[in-house]
Amino acid sequence: MTNEDRNALRAWLDLLAASNAIKKSVDTTLRREFGVSISRFDVLSALDRAAPSGLRAGDLSQRLMVTEGNITQVTAPLIRDGLIRRTVNRDDKRVVNLKLTKKGSRLFAEMATEHRHWVSEAFSDFSEAQIISFRKLLGKLNLPLDSEETGKDAA
């Protein structure tokens, strides 16, 4: 193994450890403050950014890079709690559409505000210039372009 390979592996492990630590912290805080997992927050976030008509379950699955089975599992409690609405497409009964309810929109807006604070806190030791540089460096990573190559994570 070359020194360059060793440093690349160490950088990847450092990035993975930092990302996992931030994700775990945000998940723990979301659960404590709102009773919602980060997976459910991600669903609400995607639906908040969607058109007013919502998203097809398959489209939501692609946006979050998870299987449709994972979407079903994660959305069931959100539907039960009245945060999202599930409707069947009139033209094709196999197609399910998901959208935020008013209650879901209000809760997401509150969670998103807190989420921004938590993420900002994780980067609080960085200057704005360092964050911009960090993002530019991340943008230079040679990443796989399609989900088949990367696989789909569980929600």
Protein backbone atom coordinates (compact mmCIF):
# COMPACT_ATOMS: atom_id res chain seq x y z
CA MET A 1 0.00 0.00 0.00
CA THR A 2 1.38 3.37 -0.95
CA ASN A 3 1.50 6.35 1.37
CA GLU A 4 -1.06 8.06 -0.89
CA ASP A 5 -3.42 5.06 -0.55
CA ARG A 6 -2.94 5.01 3.23
CA ASN A 7 -3.72 8.73 3.52
CA ALA A 8 -6.80 8.38 1.30
CA LEU A 9 -8.09 5.55 3.51
CA ARG A 10 -7.43 7.57 6.66
CA ALA A 11 -9.23 10.58 5.17
CA TRP A 12 -12.20 8.38 4.26
CA LEU A 13 -12.33 6.89 7.77
CA ASP A 14 -12.11 10.37 9.31
CA LEU A 15 -14.91 11.64 7.06
CA LEU A 16 -17.05 8.58 7.82
CA ALA A 17 -16.48 8.91 11.58
CA ALA A 18 -17.34 12.61 11.57
CA SER A 19 -20.43 12.10 9.43
CA ASN A 20 -21.66 9.21 11.59
CA ALA A 21 -21.06 11.18 14.80
CA ILE A 22 -23.05 14.19 13.52
CA LYS A 23 -25.83 11.94 12.21
CA LYS A 24 -26.05 10.06 15.52
CA SER A 25 -26.14 13.30 17.50
CA VAL A 26 -28.87 14.77 15.29
CA ASP A 27 -30.87 11.52 15.43
CA THR A 28 -30.62 11.37 19.24
CA THR A 29 -31.69 15.01 19.57
CA LEU A 30 -34.58 14.64 17.08
CA ARG A 31 -35.86 11.63 19.04
CA ARG A 32 -35.52 13.41 22.38
CA GLU A 33 -36.99 16.75 21.30
CA PHE A 34 -39.61 15.64 18.76
CA GLY A 35 -40.02 11.86 19.04
CA VAL A 36 -38.96 11.50 15.39
CA SER A 37 -36.01 9.54 13.99
CA ILE A 38 -33.62 11.04 11.46
CA SER A 39 -35.09 8.68 8.84
CA ARG A 40 -38.56 10.11 9.43
CA PHE A 41 -37.12 13.65 9.44
CA ASP A 42 -35.53 12.92 6.04
CA VAL A 43 -38.92 11.81 4.67
CA LEU A 44 -40.62 14.94 6.00
CA SER A 45 -37.81 17.07 4.55
CA ALA A 46 -38.14 15.52 1.08
CA LEU A 47 -41.91 15.99 1.14
CA ASP A 48 -41.51 19.59 2.33
CA ARG A 49 -39.34 20.31 -0.73
CA ALA A 50 -41.73 18.50 -3.10
CA ALA A 51 -44.48 20.02 -5.20
CA PRO A 52 -47.77 20.71 -3.38
CA SER A 53 -49.12 17.45 -4.82
CA GLY A 54 -46.42 15.53 -2.95
CA LEU A 55 -44.24 12.71 -4.28
CA ARG A 56 -44.84 9.28 -5.63
CA ALA A 57 -43.48 6.67 -3.21
CA GLY A 58 -41.02 5.52 -5.89
CA ASP A 59 -39.74 9.06 -6.39
CA LEU A 60 -39.33 9.50 -2.63
CA SER A 61 -37.43 6.22 -2.53
CA GLN A 62 -35.06 7.47 -5.25
CA ARG A 63 -34.51 10.85 -3.59
CA LEU A 64 -33.60 9.24 -0.29
CA MET A 65 -31.66 6.39 -1.95
CA VAL A 66 -33.59 3.70 -0.07
CA THR A 67 -35.85 0.87 -1.17
CA GLU A 68 -39.60 1.32 -1.53
CA GLY A 69 -39.98 -1.23 1.28
CA ASN A 70 -38.00 1.08 3.56
CA ILE A 71 -40.23 3.98 2.53
CA THR A 72 -43.32 1.97 3.47
CA GLN A 73 -41.82 1.11 6.85
CA VAL A 74 -40.70 4.66 7.64
CA THR A 75 -43.88 6.38 6.41
CA ALA A 76 -46.37 4.12 8.23
CA PRO A 77 -45.90 5.85 11.63
CA LEU A 78 -45.93 9.28 9.94
CA ILE A 79 -49.26 8.44 8.32
CA ARG A 80 -50.61 7.06 11.60
CA ASP A 81 -49.57 10.24 13.42
CA GLY A 82 -51.26 12.44 10.81
CA LEU A 83 -48.02 14.00 9.56
CA ILE A 84 -48.28 12.76 5.99
CA ARG A 85 -51.16 11.66 3.79
CA ARG A 86 -51.06 8.64 1.49
CA THR A 87 -53.29 8.65 -1.59
CA VAL A 88 -53.69 6.21 -4.44
CA ASN A 89 -53.33 7.56 -7.98
CA ARG A 90 -56.71 7.70 -9.75
CA ASP A 91 -55.25 6.57 -13.07
CA ASP A 92 -52.97 3.83 -11.76
CA LYS A 93 -54.03 2.19 -8.49
CA ARG A 94 -50.52 0.75 -8.05
CA VAL A 95 -49.05 4.24 -7.62
CA VAL A 96 -49.05 5.77 -4.15
CA ASN A 97 -48.58 9.50 -3.57
CA LEU A 98 -47.31 10.93 -0.28
CA LYS A 99 -47.62 14.53 0.91
CA LEU A 100 -47.30 16.51 4.10
CA THR A 101 -50.41 17.37 6.06
CA LYS A 102 -50.74 20.79 7.69
CA LYS A 103 -49.75 19.17 10.98
CA GLY A 104 -46.70 17.61 9.28
CA SER A 105 -45.71 20.93 7.71
CA ARG A 106 -45.88 22.72 11.06
CA LEU A 107 -43.85 20.04 12.84
CA PHE A 108 -41.27 19.89 10.07
CA ALA A 109 -40.82 23.68 10.09
CA GLU A 110 -40.12 23.55 13.83
CA MET A 111 -37.74 20.59 13.47
CA ALA A 112 -35.91 22.17 10.50
CA THR A 113 -35.18 25.31 12.51
CA GLU A 114 -33.66 23.25 15.33
CA HIS A 115 -31.85 20.98 12.87
CA ARG A 116 -30.10 23.99 11.32
CA HIS A 117 -28.88 25.04 14.77
CA TRP A 118 -27.55 21.55 15.59
CA VAL A 119 -25.68 21.24 12.30
CA SER A 120 -24.30 24.78 12.61
CA GLU A 121 -23.04 23.87 16.07
CA ALA A 122 -21.14 20.90 14.64
CA PHE A 123 -19.31 23.30 12.32
CA SER A 124 -18.96 26.14 14.84
CA ASP A 125 -15.16 25.84 15.04
CA PHE A 126 -14.88 26.42 11.26
CA SER A 127 -14.75 29.89 9.76
CA GLU A 128 -17.06 30.61 6.84
CA ALA A 129 -14.05 30.45 4.51
CA GLN A 130 -13.09 27.03 5.91
CA ILE A 131 -16.61 25.71 5.37
CA ILE A 132 -16.56 26.96 1.77
CA SER A 133 -13.15 25.31 1.23
CA PHE A 134 -14.35 22.09 2.86
CA ARG A 135 -17.37 21.98 0.54
CA LYS A 136 -15.14 22.58 -2.48
CA LEU A 137 -12.88 19.72 -1.41
CA LEU A 138 -15.86 17.41 -0.93
CA GLY A 139 -17.05 18.39 -4.40
CA LYS A 140 -13.77 17.11 -5.82
CA LEU A 141 -14.35 13.57 -4.54
CA ASN A 142 -14.61 11.01 -7.32
CA LEU A 143 -18.05 9.62 -6.45
CA PRO A 144 -20.18 7.02 -8.27
CA LEU A 145 -22.94 8.77 -10.21
CA ASP A 146 -25.84 6.32 -10.13
CA SER A 147 -27.69 4.55 -7.32
CA GLU A 148 -27.10 1.09 -8.85
CA GLU A 149 -23.39 1.58 -8.42
CA THR A 150 -23.68 2.94 -4.88
CA GLY A 151 -26.48 0.67 -3.67
CA LYS A 152 -29.38 1.82 -1.56
CA ASP A 153 -29.12 2.35 2.17
CA ALA A 154 -31.85 1.53 4.64
CA ALA A 155 -33.89 4.53 5.72
